């Protein structure tokens, strides 16, 4: 097999080719260089790989922050409050800060995850 390929190649070396042949060869080489440049220069660049890695790490952190767990409960419990105004027995106005219950925080987190999923799939239109 290799002898036949070598023989075919050697017979091509001695031939005199037309200008159209050389133009075709040059265009093929240019095409190969363009493909190489875009595949290995841009797609495989270190900057893109680093950016891809950073985006994946950020995405993982955001998913973890929006997933109810013991860690997120420890982080968020007591962070969100609202002012509750009332009157005491004598009719004097008073107010107290009330912490948002953990169940409500979990519902908010679920709503954010659902909204992010819809927007990333193109279904949520603002």
N, C-alpha and C. Protein backbone atom coordinates (compact mmCIF):
# COMPACT_ATOMS: atom_id res chain seq x y z
N UNK A 1 0.83 -1.19 0.00
CA UNK A 1 0.00 0.00 0.00
C UNK A 1 0.87 1.25 0.00
N UNK A 2 1.84 1.29 0.91
CA UNK A 2 2.71 2.46 1.00
C UNK A 2 3.53 2.65 -0.27
N UNK A 3 3.92 1.53 -0.91
CA UNK A 3 4.68 1.64 -2.16
C UNK A 3 3.85 2.30 -3.24
N UNK A 4 2.56 1.97 -3.30
CA UNK A 4 1.68 2.57 -4.30
C UNK A 4 1.50 4.06 -4.05
N UNK A 5 1.35 4.44 -2.79
CA UNK A 5 1.20 5.87 -2.45
C UNK A 5 2.48 6.61 -2.79
N UNK A 6 3.62 6.04 -2.41
CA UNK A 6 4.90 6.69 -2.70
C UNK A 6 5.11 6.81 -4.21
N UNK A 7 4.78 5.77 -4.96
CA UNK A 7 4.94 5.80 -6.41
C UNK A 7 4.04 6.87 -7.03
N UNK A 8 2.79 6.97 -6.54
CA UNK A 8 1.87 7.98 -7.07
C UNK A 8 2.39 9.38 -6.76
N UNK A 9 2.94 9.55 -5.56
CA UNK A 9 3.47 10.86 -5.19
C UNK A 9 4.69 11.22 -6.04
N UNK A 10 5.55 10.26 -6.26
CA UNK A 10 6.76 10.52 -7.05
C UNK A 10 6.42 10.84 -8.50
N UNK A 11 5.37 10.24 -9.03
CA UNK A 11 5.00 10.56 -10.41
C UNK A 11 4.41 11.96 -10.48
N UNK A 12 3.79 12.44 -9.40
CA UNK A 12 3.25 13.80 -9.38
C UNK A 12 4.37 14.83 -9.29
N UNK A 13 5.48 14.49 -8.64
CA UNK A 13 6.57 15.44 -8.46
C UNK A 13 7.16 15.85 -9.80
N UNK A 14 7.29 14.92 -10.71
CA UNK A 14 7.93 15.22 -11.98
C UNK A 14 7.04 15.92 -12.99
N UNK A 15 5.76 16.04 -12.72
CA UNK A 15 4.83 16.65 -13.68
C UNK A 15 4.93 18.16 -13.66
N UNK A 16 4.62 18.75 -14.79
CA UNK A 16 4.50 20.20 -14.89
C UNK A 16 3.02 20.51 -14.79
N UNK A 17 2.64 21.31 -13.78
CA UNK A 17 1.23 21.58 -13.53
C UNK A 17 0.83 22.92 -14.12
N UNK A 18 -0.44 23.03 -14.42
CA UNK A 18 -0.99 24.25 -15.01
C UNK A 18 -1.16 25.31 -13.93
N UNK A 19 -1.31 26.57 -14.33
CA UNK A 19 -1.55 27.63 -13.34
C UNK A 19 -2.84 27.39 -12.54
N UNK A 20 -3.85 26.80 -13.17
CA UNK A 20 -5.09 26.53 -12.45
C UNK A 20 -4.85 25.54 -11.31
N UNK A 21 -3.97 24.58 -11.54
CA UNK A 21 -3.63 23.62 -10.50
C UNK A 21 -3.02 24.34 -9.30
N UNK A 22 -2.06 25.22 -9.57
CA UNK A 22 -1.38 25.92 -8.49
C UNK A 22 -2.33 26.88 -7.76
N UNK A 23 -3.23 27.49 -8.49
CA UNK A 23 -4.23 28.36 -7.85
C UNK A 23 -5.09 27.53 -6.90
N UNK A 24 -5.49 26.35 -7.33
CA UNK A 24 -6.28 25.46 -6.47
C UNK A 24 -5.49 25.05 -5.24
N UNK A 25 -4.22 24.72 -5.42
CA UNK A 25 -3.37 24.34 -4.29
C UNK A 25 -3.24 25.49 -3.30
N UNK A 26 -3.04 26.70 -3.83
CA UNK A 26 -2.88 27.88 -2.96
C UNK A 26 -4.16 28.14 -2.18
N UNK A 27 -5.33 28.06 -2.85
CA UNK A 27 -6.59 28.27 -2.16
C UNK A 27 -6.82 27.20 -1.09
N UNK A 28 -6.46 25.97 -1.37
CA UNK A 28 -6.59 24.91 -0.37
C UNK A 28 -5.71 25.18 0.84
N UNK A 29 -4.48 25.61 0.59
CA UNK A 29 -3.57 25.92 1.70
C UNK A 29 -4.08 27.10 2.52
N UNK A 30 -4.62 28.12 1.86
CA UNK A 30 -5.19 29.26 2.57
C UNK A 30 -6.37 28.81 3.42
N UNK A 31 -7.22 27.95 2.86
CA UNK A 31 -8.35 27.43 3.62
C UNK A 31 -7.90 26.66 4.85
N UNK A 32 -6.87 25.84 4.69
CA UNK A 32 -6.35 25.07 5.82
C UNK A 32 -5.79 26.01 6.90
N UNK A 33 -5.09 27.06 6.48
CA UNK A 33 -4.54 28.02 7.44
C UNK A 33 -5.65 28.76 8.18
N UNK A 34 -6.71 29.14 7.47
CA UNK A 34 -7.83 29.84 8.11
C UNK A 34 -8.49 28.92 9.14
N UNK A 35 -8.74 27.69 8.76
CA UNK A 35 -9.35 26.74 9.68
C UNK A 35 -8.46 26.53 10.90
N UNK A 36 -7.18 26.35 10.69
CA UNK A 36 -6.25 26.17 11.80
C UNK A 36 -6.26 27.39 12.70
N UNK A 37 -6.23 28.57 12.11
CA UNK A 37 -6.18 29.81 12.89
C UNK A 37 -7.39 29.92 13.80
N UNK A 38 -8.59 29.69 13.26
CA UNK A 38 -9.79 29.85 14.06
C UNK A 38 -9.99 28.71 15.05
N UNK A 39 -9.68 27.49 14.68
CA UNK A 39 -9.88 26.37 15.59
C UNK A 39 -8.91 26.39 16.75
N UNK A 40 -7.64 26.59 16.45
CA UNK A 40 -6.63 26.46 17.49
C UNK A 40 -6.23 27.78 18.11
N UNK A 41 -6.44 28.86 17.41
CA UNK A 41 -6.05 30.15 17.95
C UNK A 41 -7.15 30.73 18.83
N UNK A 42 -8.40 30.70 18.37
CA UNK A 42 -9.48 31.31 19.13
C UNK A 42 -10.21 30.32 20.01
N UNK A 43 -10.64 29.21 19.46
CA UNK A 43 -11.42 28.26 20.23
C UNK A 43 -10.59 27.66 21.36
N UNK A 44 -9.35 27.42 21.11
CA UNK A 44 -8.51 26.79 22.11
C UNK A 44 -7.64 27.76 22.88
N UNK A 45 -7.96 29.05 22.85
CA UNK A 45 -7.08 30.02 23.50
C UNK A 45 -7.17 29.91 25.03
N UNK A 46 -6.10 30.26 25.67
CA UNK A 46 -6.04 30.22 27.13
C UNK A 46 -7.02 31.20 27.75
N UNK A 47 -7.19 32.37 27.12
CA UNK A 47 -8.11 33.37 27.67
C UNK A 47 -9.53 32.83 27.71
N UNK A 48 -9.96 32.17 26.64
CA UNK A 48 -11.32 31.62 26.61
C UNK A 48 -11.48 30.48 27.60
N UNK A 49 -10.47 29.64 27.71
CA UNK A 49 -10.55 28.55 28.69
C UNK A 49 -10.63 29.11 30.10
N UNK A 50 -9.86 30.14 30.38
CA UNK A 50 -9.87 30.76 31.71
C UNK A 50 -11.22 31.42 31.97
N UNK A 51 -11.75 32.14 30.97
CA UNK A 51 -13.06 32.77 31.13
C UNK A 51 -14.15 31.73 31.33
N UNK A 52 -14.08 30.63 30.59
CA UNK A 52 -15.05 29.55 30.73
C UNK A 52 -14.98 28.97 32.15
N UNK A 53 -13.79 28.74 32.65
CA UNK A 53 -13.61 28.21 33.99
C UNK A 53 -14.19 29.17 35.02
N UNK A 54 -13.91 30.48 34.87
CA UNK A 54 -14.41 31.48 35.82
C UNK A 54 -15.93 31.57 35.79
N UNK A 55 -16.52 31.51 34.60
CA UNK A 55 -17.98 31.57 34.50
C UNK A 55 -18.63 30.34 35.12
N UNK A 56 -18.02 29.17 34.92
CA UNK A 56 -18.57 27.96 35.54
C UNK A 56 -18.48 28.03 37.06
N UNK A 57 -17.37 28.57 37.58
CA UNK A 57 -17.22 28.70 39.03
C UNK A 57 -18.24 29.69 39.59
N UNK A 58 -18.44 30.81 38.88
CA UNK A 58 -19.42 31.79 39.32
C UNK A 58 -20.84 31.20 39.29
N UNK A 59 -21.14 30.44 38.25
CA UNK A 59 -22.44 29.80 38.13
C UNK A 59 -22.67 28.83 39.30
N UNK A 60 -21.64 28.06 39.64
CA UNK A 60 -21.77 27.12 40.76
C UNK A 60 -22.01 27.86 42.08
N UNK A 61 -21.33 28.99 42.27
CA UNK A 61 -21.53 29.78 43.49
C UNK A 61 -22.94 30.34 43.55
N UNK A 62 -23.45 30.82 42.42
CA UNK A 62 -24.81 31.36 42.40
C UNK A 62 -25.84 30.28 42.67
N UNK A 63 -25.64 29.09 42.07
CA UNK A 63 -26.57 27.98 42.34
C UNK A 63 -26.54 27.60 43.81
N UNK A 64 -25.35 27.56 44.40
CA UNK A 64 -25.23 27.20 45.81
C UNK A 64 -25.92 28.25 46.68
N UNK A 65 -25.78 29.53 46.32
CA UNK A 65 -26.38 30.60 47.11
C UNK A 65 -27.90 30.59 47.02
N UNK A 66 -28.44 30.04 45.95
CA UNK A 66 -29.90 30.01 45.76
C UNK A 66 -30.52 28.65 46.08
N UNK A 67 -29.75 27.75 46.66
CA UNK A 67 -30.26 26.43 47.03
C UNK A 67 -30.38 26.36 48.54
N UNK A 68 -31.58 26.15 49.06
CA UNK A 68 -31.73 26.07 50.52
C UNK A 68 -30.91 24.92 51.10
N UNK A 69 -30.13 25.24 52.11
CA UNK A 69 -29.31 24.24 52.80
C UNK A 69 -28.99 24.78 54.18
N UNK A 70 -28.29 23.99 54.95
CA UNK A 70 -27.88 24.45 56.27
C UNK A 70 -26.98 25.67 56.20
N UNK A 71 -26.10 25.68 55.21
CA UNK A 71 -25.17 26.80 55.06
C UNK A 71 -25.91 28.08 54.67
N UNK A 72 -26.82 27.97 53.71
CA UNK A 72 -27.55 29.18 53.30
C UNK A 72 -28.50 29.64 54.41
N UNK A 73 -29.05 28.70 55.16
CA UNK A 73 -29.91 29.09 56.28
C UNK A 73 -29.10 29.88 57.30
N UNK A 74 -27.89 29.41 57.59
CA UNK A 74 -27.03 30.12 58.53
C UNK A 74 -26.65 31.50 58.00
N UNK A 75 -26.47 31.61 56.70
CA UNK A 75 -26.11 32.90 56.10
C UNK A 75 -27.27 33.87 56.06
N UNK A 76 -28.47 33.40 55.78
CA UNK A 76 -29.59 34.29 55.50
C UNK A 76 -30.52 34.51 56.68
N UNK A 77 -30.52 33.62 57.66
CA UNK A 77 -31.47 33.76 58.76
C UNK A 77 -31.14 35.04 59.53
N UNK A 78 -32.13 35.87 59.73
CA UNK A 78 -31.93 37.14 60.43
C UNK A 78 -31.47 38.28 59.54
N UNK A 79 -31.13 37.99 58.27
CA UNK A 79 -30.68 39.03 57.34
C UNK A 79 -31.82 39.91 56.86
N UNK A 80 -33.02 39.35 56.78
CA UNK A 80 -34.15 40.06 56.20
C UNK A 80 -35.19 40.32 57.29
N UNK A 81 -35.54 41.56 57.45
CA UNK A 81 -36.51 41.95 58.47
C UNK A 81 -37.51 42.93 57.87
N UNK A 82 -38.60 43.10 58.58
CA UNK A 82 -39.55 44.14 58.21
C UNK A 82 -40.05 44.79 59.49
N UNK A 83 -40.55 46.02 59.35
CA UNK A 83 -41.01 46.79 60.49
C UNK A 83 -42.49 46.52 60.72
N UNK A 84 -42.82 46.10 61.92
CA UNK A 84 -44.21 45.85 62.29
C UNK A 84 -44.63 46.93 63.27
N UNK A 85 -45.61 47.74 62.85
CA UNK A 85 -46.08 48.84 63.69
C UNK A 85 -47.38 48.44 64.39
N UNK A 86 -47.50 48.81 65.65
CA UNK A 86 -48.69 48.48 66.43
C UNK A 86 -48.86 49.51 67.54
N UNK A 87 -49.93 49.41 68.24
CA UNK A 87 -50.19 50.29 69.39
C UNK A 87 -50.23 49.43 70.64
N UNK A 88 -49.63 49.95 71.71
CA UNK A 88 -49.64 49.19 72.97
C UNK A 88 -50.99 49.37 73.68
N UNK A 89 -51.09 48.84 74.92
CA UNK A 89 -52.36 48.87 75.66
C UNK A 89 -52.87 50.29 75.90
N UNK A 90 -51.95 51.23 76.01
CA UNK A 90 -52.33 52.61 76.30
C UNK A 90 -52.60 53.41 75.02
N UNK A 91 -52.46 52.78 73.86
CA UNK A 91 -52.69 53.47 72.60
C UNK A 91 -51.47 54.17 72.04
N UNK A 92 -50.32 53.97 72.67
CA UNK A 92 -49.09 54.59 72.17
C UNK A 92 -48.56 53.78 70.98
N UNK A 93 -48.20 54.49 69.92
CA UNK A 93 -47.65 53.75 68.76
C UNK A 93 -46.29 53.16 69.11
N UNK A 94 -46.05 51.97 68.61
CA UNK A 94 -44.78 51.29 68.83
C UNK A 94 -44.47 50.47 67.59
N UNK A 95 -43.24 50.07 67.46
CA UNK A 95 -42.87 49.22 66.32
C UNK A 95 -41.80 48.22 66.75
N UNK A 96 -41.72 47.17 66.01
CA UNK A 96 -40.74 46.13 66.30
C UNK A 96 -40.26 45.55 64.96
N UNK A 97 -38.99 45.20 64.90
CA UNK A 97 -38.43 44.56 63.70
C UNK A 97 -38.69 43.07 63.80
N UNK A 98 -39.26 42.50 62.72
CA UNK A 98 -39.58 41.08 62.69
C UNK A 98 -38.74 40.41 61.61
N UNK A 99 -38.09 39.32 61.94
CA UNK A 99 -37.29 38.57 60.96
C UNK A 99 -38.21 37.82 60.01
N UNK A 100 -37.84 37.80 58.75
CA UNK A 100 -38.60 37.04 57.76
C UNK A 100 -38.37 35.55 58.05
N UNK A 101 -39.44 34.76 58.13
CA UNK A 101 -39.27 33.33 58.43
C UNK A 101 -38.46 32.61 57.35
N UNK A 102 -37.77 31.54 57.77
CA UNK A 102 -36.93 30.78 56.85
C UNK A 102 -37.75 30.18 55.71
N UNK A 103 -38.97 29.76 55.98
CA UNK A 103 -39.82 29.21 54.92
C UNK A 103 -40.08 30.25 53.83
N UNK A 104 -40.27 31.49 54.23
CA UNK A 104 -40.48 32.56 53.25
C UNK A 104 -39.21 32.82 52.45
N UNK A 105 -38.07 32.79 53.10
CA UNK A 105 -36.80 32.96 52.39
C UNK A 105 -36.62 31.84 51.36
N UNK A 106 -36.96 30.60 51.74
CA UNK A 106 -36.86 29.47 50.79
C UNK A 106 -37.79 29.68 49.60
N UNK A 107 -39.00 30.19 49.84
CA UNK A 107 -39.92 30.47 48.74
C UNK A 107 -39.37 31.54 47.80
N UNK A 108 -38.74 32.55 48.38
CA UNK A 108 -38.14 33.61 47.55
C UNK A 108 -37.00 33.04 46.73
N UNK A 109 -36.18 32.19 47.34
CA UNK A 109 -35.07 31.57 46.62
C UNK A 109 -35.60 30.71 45.46
N UNK A 110 -36.67 29.96 45.70
CA UNK A 110 -37.26 29.12 44.66
C UNK A 110 -37.81 29.98 43.53
N UNK A 111 -38.40 31.12 43.86
CA UNK A 111 -38.93 32.02 42.83
C UNK A 111 -37.79 32.60 41.99
N UNK A 112 -36.68 32.94 42.62
CA UNK A 112 -35.53 33.46 41.88
C UNK A 112 -34.97 32.39 40.95
N UNK A 113 -34.83 31.15 41.46
CA UNK A 113 -34.34 30.06 40.61
C UNK A 113 -35.26 29.82 39.43
N UNK A 114 -36.58 29.83 39.68
CA UNK A 114 -37.54 29.61 38.59
C UNK A 114 -37.45 30.73 37.56
N UNK A 115 -37.33 31.95 38.01
CA UNK A 115 -37.23 33.08 37.09
C UNK A 115 -35.94 33.00 36.28
N UNK A 116 -34.84 32.66 36.93
CA UNK A 116 -33.56 32.55 36.22
C UNK A 116 -33.62 31.44 35.18
N UNK A 117 -34.27 30.33 35.50
CA UNK A 117 -34.41 29.23 34.55
C UNK A 117 -35.24 29.64 33.35
N UNK A 118 -36.34 30.35 33.59
CA UNK A 118 -37.19 30.80 32.48
C UNK A 118 -36.45 31.79 31.60
N UNK A 119 -35.71 32.72 32.19
CA UNK A 119 -35.02 33.74 31.39
C UNK A 119 -33.87 33.13 30.62
N UNK A 120 -33.18 32.14 31.19
CA UNK A 120 -32.07 31.53 30.46
C UNK A 120 -32.56 30.67 29.30
N UNK A 121 -33.80 30.14 29.42
CA UNK A 121 -34.34 29.35 28.31
C UNK A 121 -35.09 30.21 27.31
N UNK A 122 -35.19 31.51 27.56
CA UNK A 122 -35.83 32.42 26.62
C UNK A 122 -37.33 32.51 26.78
N UNK A 123 -37.90 31.91 27.82
CA UNK A 123 -39.35 31.93 28.00
C UNK A 123 -39.83 33.13 28.79
N UNK A 124 -38.99 33.67 29.67
CA UNK A 124 -39.42 34.79 30.49
C UNK A 124 -39.17 36.11 29.79
N UNK A 125 -40.21 36.78 29.39
CA UNK A 125 -40.07 38.07 28.71
C UNK A 125 -40.44 39.17 29.68
N UNK A 126 -39.57 40.17 29.75
CA UNK A 126 -39.82 41.28 30.67
C UNK A 126 -40.60 42.38 29.99
